[in-house]
């Protein structure tokens, strides 16, 4: 399965880092969080990535160009204008980097890569969150639900939007993004950002100004076409500098829960 990663936002809440680089390039340990996310998928055999670039997207392209050269032994024949790769230890990744516009909304970014996804089931995620989720179980769950979209539901504390889940069949009854107040009882679930989607979801996206987490997901929920895979394990996004420092410390302590490789 292909994995689409939204990596084009401005990352204004972590402006201490994103003033000079796109948010997915902010480092956890000595590698960008984008690399950590891709390693998570690669562990389960998903090595075909489509990255939706926008703000400072050229730095993401430069990273992969430099990363490849750092990891290989190579002969440059300057006279004949050729390069021969002798050996390499690079991950078996195919990485397609698409400029989806600097001001395009999340739904618009997704629709702009429709031709690269093709007519097949695919993953979608954001370039700023890690988890110990089992992607095999996520896909199996999605197939059994027979809906067009499955999101990963998590229960971290505070400050996020929530949605209601039907107790028996895992269908989302209603979806709202970041309401003014969260459920203080702790029973509310939030969108953890790891999706499995059918290609039909593109028809729910109008254009560049469409926010994926609003009209498309709301319509999918109203039509009972949006399922939620409950993930009780580790999940952490990198929304602020504090979040970045937390992830960085966990990585340096040597036992990051999301490191499955």
Protein backbone atom coordinates (compact mmCIF):
# COMPACT_ATOMS: atom_id res chain seq x y z
CA UNK A 1 0.00 0.00 0.00
CA UNK A 2 1.09 3.55 -0.72
CA UNK A 3 1.38 6.01 2.14
CA UNK A 4 0.44 9.66 1.65
CA UNK A 5 2.05 12.03 4.15
CA UNK A 6 0.79 15.59 4.61
CA UNK A 7 3.94 17.66 5.01
CA UNK A 8 3.11 21.11 3.67
CA UNK A 9 1.75 23.14 6.59
CA UNK A 10 3.37 26.16 8.19
CA UNK A 11 3.67 24.63 11.69
CA UNK A 12 2.97 27.96 13.37
CA UNK A 13 2.64 26.47 16.87
CA UNK A 14 6.25 25.35 16.76
CA UNK A 15 7.59 28.46 15.05
CA UNK A 16 10.81 28.26 17.07
CA UNK A 17 11.77 25.43 14.69
CA UNK A 18 9.63 26.02 11.59
CA UNK A 19 10.91 29.52 10.89
CA UNK A 20 13.83 27.81 9.14
CA UNK A 21 12.43 24.41 8.13
CA UNK A 22 9.11 22.64 7.46
CA UNK A 23 7.64 20.91 10.49
CA UNK A 24 8.29 17.33 9.23
CA UNK A 25 12.00 18.20 9.08
CA UNK A 26 12.19 19.05 12.80
CA UNK A 27 14.56 16.52 14.31
CA UNK A 28 13.88 13.88 16.93
CA UNK A 29 17.28 12.63 17.92
CA UNK A 30 19.38 13.34 14.86
CA UNK A 31 16.74 12.56 12.23
CA UNK A 32 13.58 14.41 11.06
CA UNK A 33 10.27 13.24 12.51
CA UNK A 34 9.26 12.47 8.91
CA UNK A 35 11.98 9.79 8.80
CA UNK A 36 10.67 8.26 12.04
CA UNK A 37 7.16 8.07 10.59
CA UNK A 38 8.38 6.44 7.39
CA UNK A 39 10.40 3.89 9.37
CA UNK A 40 7.21 2.94 11.24
CA UNK A 41 5.40 2.13 8.00
CA UNK A 42 8.44 0.48 6.43
CA UNK A 43 8.63 -2.03 9.28
CA UNK A 44 5.30 -3.42 8.06
CA UNK A 45 6.47 -3.56 4.44
CA UNK A 46 4.95 -0.30 3.20
CA UNK A 47 7.77 1.45 1.35
CA UNK A 48 5.99 3.54 -1.30
CA UNK A 49 5.55 7.10 -0.03
CA UNK A 50 3.86 10.15 -1.54
CA UNK A 51 4.80 13.29 0.36
CA UNK A 52 2.60 16.37 -0.03
CA UNK A 53 5.02 19.29 0.14
CA UNK A 54 4.23 22.97 0.57
CA UNK A 55 5.95 25.36 2.96
CA UNK A 56 9.74 25.08 2.43
CA UNK A 57 9.16 21.84 0.54
CA UNK A 58 12.50 22.15 -1.23
CA UNK A 59 14.19 21.30 2.09
CA UNK A 60 12.35 17.97 2.20
CA UNK A 61 13.50 17.23 -1.36
CA UNK A 62 17.06 18.17 -0.43
CA UNK A 63 16.97 15.87 2.60
CA UNK A 64 16.15 12.80 0.52
CA UNK A 65 18.71 13.72 -2.12
CA UNK A 66 21.43 14.13 0.49
CA UNK A 67 20.26 11.10 2.49
CA UNK A 68 20.69 8.80 -0.48
CA UNK A 69 24.22 10.03 -1.21
CA UNK A 70 25.20 9.76 2.47
CA UNK A 71 24.14 6.12 2.59
CA UNK A 72 25.79 4.78 -0.59
CA UNK A 73 29.24 4.03 -1.92
CA UNK A 74 29.47 5.68 -5.29
CA UNK A 75 31.79 6.32 -8.22
CA UNK A 76 31.48 9.63 -10.06
CA UNK A 77 32.87 9.60 -13.59
CA UNK A 78 33.12 13.31 -14.24
CA UNK A 79 34.60 12.89 -17.71
CA UNK A 80 31.65 10.80 -18.92
CA UNK A 81 29.06 12.55 -16.75
CA UNK A 82 27.93 9.37 -14.98
CA UNK A 83 27.43 8.00 -11.50
CA UNK A 84 27.66 4.36 -10.46
CA UNK A 85 26.26 3.18 -7.13
CA UNK A 86 28.59 0.50 -5.80
CA UNK A 87 26.64 -0.50 -2.68
CA UNK A 88 24.14 1.04 -0.34
CA UNK A 89 22.39 0.61 2.98
CA UNK A 90 19.44 2.83 2.12
CA UNK A 91 15.91 1.78 3.05
CA UNK A 92 13.94 0.25 0.12
CA UNK A 93 11.83 3.36 -0.21
CA UNK A 94 10.21 4.90 -3.24
CA UNK A 95 9.59 8.53 -2.32
CA UNK A 96 7.46 10.77 -4.54
CA UNK A 97 7.60 14.43 -3.50
CA UNK A 98 4.81 16.63 -4.87
CA UNK A 99 4.48 20.39 -4.48
CA UNK A 100 0.85 20.76 -3.39
CA UNK A 101 0.99 24.54 -2.89
CA UNK A 102 2.01 26.64 0.06
CA UNK A 103 -1.50 27.72 1.08
CA UNK A 104 -3.46 24.60 0.14
CA UNK A 105 -5.60 23.03 2.87
CA UNK A 106 -5.20 19.40 3.98
CA UNK A 107 -8.02 18.08 1.80
CA UNK A 108 -6.72 20.02 -1.18
CA UNK A 109 -3.24 18.58 -0.69
CA UNK A 110 -4.67 15.08 -0.67
CA UNK A 111 -6.70 15.66 -3.83
CA UNK A 112 -3.66 17.06 -5.64
CA UNK A 113 -1.88 13.69 -5.38
CA UNK A 114 -4.84 11.63 -6.61
CA UNK A 115 -3.10 10.62 -9.84
CA UNK A 116 -0.09 9.32 -7.91
CA UNK A 117 -2.23 7.26 -5.53
CA UNK A 118 -4.22 5.63 -8.33
CA UNK A 119 -7.34 3.55 -7.86
CA UNK A 120 -6.27 1.60 -4.82
CA UNK A 121 -6.53 1.54 -1.04
CA UNK A 122 -3.90 3.72 0.68
CA UNK A 123 -2.64 5.12 3.98
CA UNK A 124 -2.82 8.78 4.93
CA UNK A 125 -1.05 10.43 7.84
CA UNK A 126 0.39 13.73 9.02
CA UNK A 127 4.09 14.54 9.12
CA UNK A 128 4.16 15.27 12.84
CA UNK A 129 3.02 12.27 14.88
CA UNK A 130 4.42 8.91 16.03
CA UNK A 131 2.80 5.83 17.53
CA UNK A 132 3.32 2.14 18.26
CA UNK A 133 0.29 1.27 16.12
CA UNK A 134 0.20 -2.10 14.33
CA UNK A 135 -0.51 -1.19 10.69
CA UNK A 136 -1.39 -4.80 9.77
CA UNK A 137 -4.17 -4.81 12.35
CA UNK A 138 -5.30 -1.36 11.21
CA UNK A 139 -5.69 -2.53 7.60
CA UNK A 140 -7.45 -5.76 8.61
CA UNK A 141 -9.86 -3.76 10.74
CA UNK A 142 -10.58 -1.37 7.87
CA UNK A 143 -11.29 -4.20 5.44
CA UNK A 144 -13.68 -5.86 7.89
CA UNK A 145 -15.55 -2.60 8.50
CA UNK A 146 -16.26 -2.17 4.77
CA UNK A 147 -16.26 1.62 5.02
CA UNK A 148 -14.47 4.12 2.77
CA UNK A 149 -12.32 5.52 5.55
CA UNK A 150 -10.86 4.39 8.85
CA UNK A 151 -9.07 6.67 11.27
CA UNK A 152 -7.05 5.71 14.31
CA UNK A 153 -8.77 6.82 17.51
CA UNK A 154 -6.63 7.65 20.53
CA UNK A 155 -7.30 9.15 23.96
CA UNK A 156 -4.60 11.62 24.97
CA UNK A 157 -5.35 14.30 27.55
CA UNK A 158 -6.87 17.68 26.74
CA UNK A 159 -6.79 20.33 24.04
CA UNK A 160 -7.91 18.25 21.07
CA UNK A 161 -11.22 17.87 19.25
CA UNK A 162 -13.31 14.78 19.80
CA UNK A 163 -15.94 12.58 18.23
CA UNK A 164 -18.51 10.07 19.40
CA UNK A 165 -18.20 6.35 18.68
CA UNK A 166 -21.06 3.88 18.44
CA UNK A 167 -20.37 1.22 21.05
CA UNK A 168 -21.19 -1.83 18.96
CA UNK A 169 -20.05 -1.32 15.38
CA UNK A 170 -17.10 1.12 15.49
CA UNK A 171 -18.86 3.68 13.31
CA UNK A 172 -18.35 7.35 14.06
CA UNK A 173 -21.71 8.96 14.79
CA UNK A 174 -20.50 12.53 14.47
CA UNK A 175 -17.21 14.31 13.89
CA UNK A 176 -16.11 17.73 15.07
CA UNK A 177 -12.62 19.20 14.83
CA UNK A 178 -11.30 20.93 17.94
CA UNK A 179 -14.48 22.10 19.70
CA UNK A 180 -14.26 24.75 22.40
CA UNK A 181 -14.42 22.27 25.22
CA UNK A 182 -13.25 18.66 25.50
CA UNK A 183 -15.02 15.86 27.31
CA UNK A 184 -13.68 16.06 30.87
CA UNK A 185 -14.82 12.51 31.60
CA UNK A 186 -12.00 11.17 29.44
CA UNK A 187 -14.40 9.12 27.31
CA UNK A 188 -13.95 11.21 24.17
CA UNK A 189 -11.71 9.91 21.40
CA UNK A 190 -9.61 12.01 19.06
CA UNK A 191 -8.26 11.62 15.56
CA UNK A 192 -4.76 10.13 15.91
CA UNK A 193 -3.95 10.85 12.27
CA UNK A 194 -3.31 7.36 10.91
CA UNK A 195 -5.89 6.63 8.20
CA UNK A 196 -6.69 3.84 5.78
CA UNK A 197 -8.68 5.18 2.84
CA UNK A 198 -10.39 3.90 -0.28
CA UNK A 199 -9.91 5.93 -3.48
CA UNK A 200 -13.58 6.96 -3.44
CA UNK A 201 -12.78 9.45 -0.67
CA UNK A 202 -11.32 11.81 -3.29
CA UNK A 203 -14.89 12.47 -4.45
CA UNK A 204 -15.65 14.02 -1.05
CA UNK A 205 -12.96 16.69 -1.54
CA UNK A 206 -13.94 19.79 -3.47
CA UNK A 207 -10.62 21.56 -4.02
CA UNK A 208 -7.62 23.39 -2.58
CA UNK A 209 -9.64 25.17 0.11
CA UNK A 210 -11.14 21.96 1.49
CA UNK A 211 -10.01 20.98 4.97
CA UNK A 212 -9.92 17.17 5.14
CA UNK A 213 -10.88 17.15 8.83
CA UNK A 214 -14.06 19.14 8.20
CA UNK A 215 -16.47 18.67 5.29
CA UNK A 216 -15.08 15.40 3.88
CA UNK A 217 -14.81 13.62 7.21
CA UNK A 218 -18.10 15.06 8.43
CA UNK A 219 -19.88 13.82 5.30
CA UNK A 220 -18.25 10.41 5.57
CA UNK A 221 -19.41 10.17 9.19
CA UNK A 222 -22.97 11.26 8.33
CA UNK A 223 -23.07 8.58 5.62
CA UNK A 224 -21.74 5.93 8.05
CA UNK A 225 -18.66 5.49 5.87
CA UNK A 226 -16.09 6.48 8.51
CA UNK A 227 -14.83 3.90 11.00
CA UNK A 228 -12.55 4.26 13.99
CA UNK A 229 -9.82 1.84 14.96
CA UNK A 230 -9.30 2.20 18.70
CA UNK A 231 -5.62 2.32 19.58
CA UNK A 232 -5.02 2.21 23.35
CA UNK A 233 -1.23 2.25 22.97
CA UNK A 234 1.33 4.99 22.59
CA UNK A 235 0.61 8.09 20.52
CA UNK A 236 2.21 11.52 20.51
CA UNK A 237 2.05 14.36 18.03
CA UNK A 238 4.57 17.19 17.76
CA UNK A 239 2.38 20.26 17.94
CA UNK A 240 4.57 22.53 20.07
CA UNK A 241 8.20 22.94 21.09
CA UNK A 242 7.33 21.20 24.37
CA UNK A 243 6.07 18.17 22.42
CA UNK A 244 9.27 18.17 20.38
CA UNK A 245 11.40 18.23 23.53
CA UNK A 246 9.37 15.39 25.06
CA UNK A 247 9.88 13.20 21.98
CA UNK A 248 13.54 14.11 21.79
CA UNK A 249 14.11 13.11 25.43
CA UNK A 250 12.27 9.81 24.95
CA UNK A 251 14.42 9.02 21.91
CA UNK A 252 17.66 9.89 23.69
CA UNK A 253 16.67 7.79 26.71
CA UNK A 254 16.90 4.81 24.36
CA UNK A 255 13.42 3.25 24.55
CA UNK A 256 11.10 5.18 22.20
CA UNK A 257 7.75 3.30 22.05
CA UNK A 258 7.31 4.03 18.34
CA UNK A 259 10.67 2.48 17.34
CA UNK A 260 9.65 -0.88 15.88
CA UNK A 261 12.67 -1.26 13.55
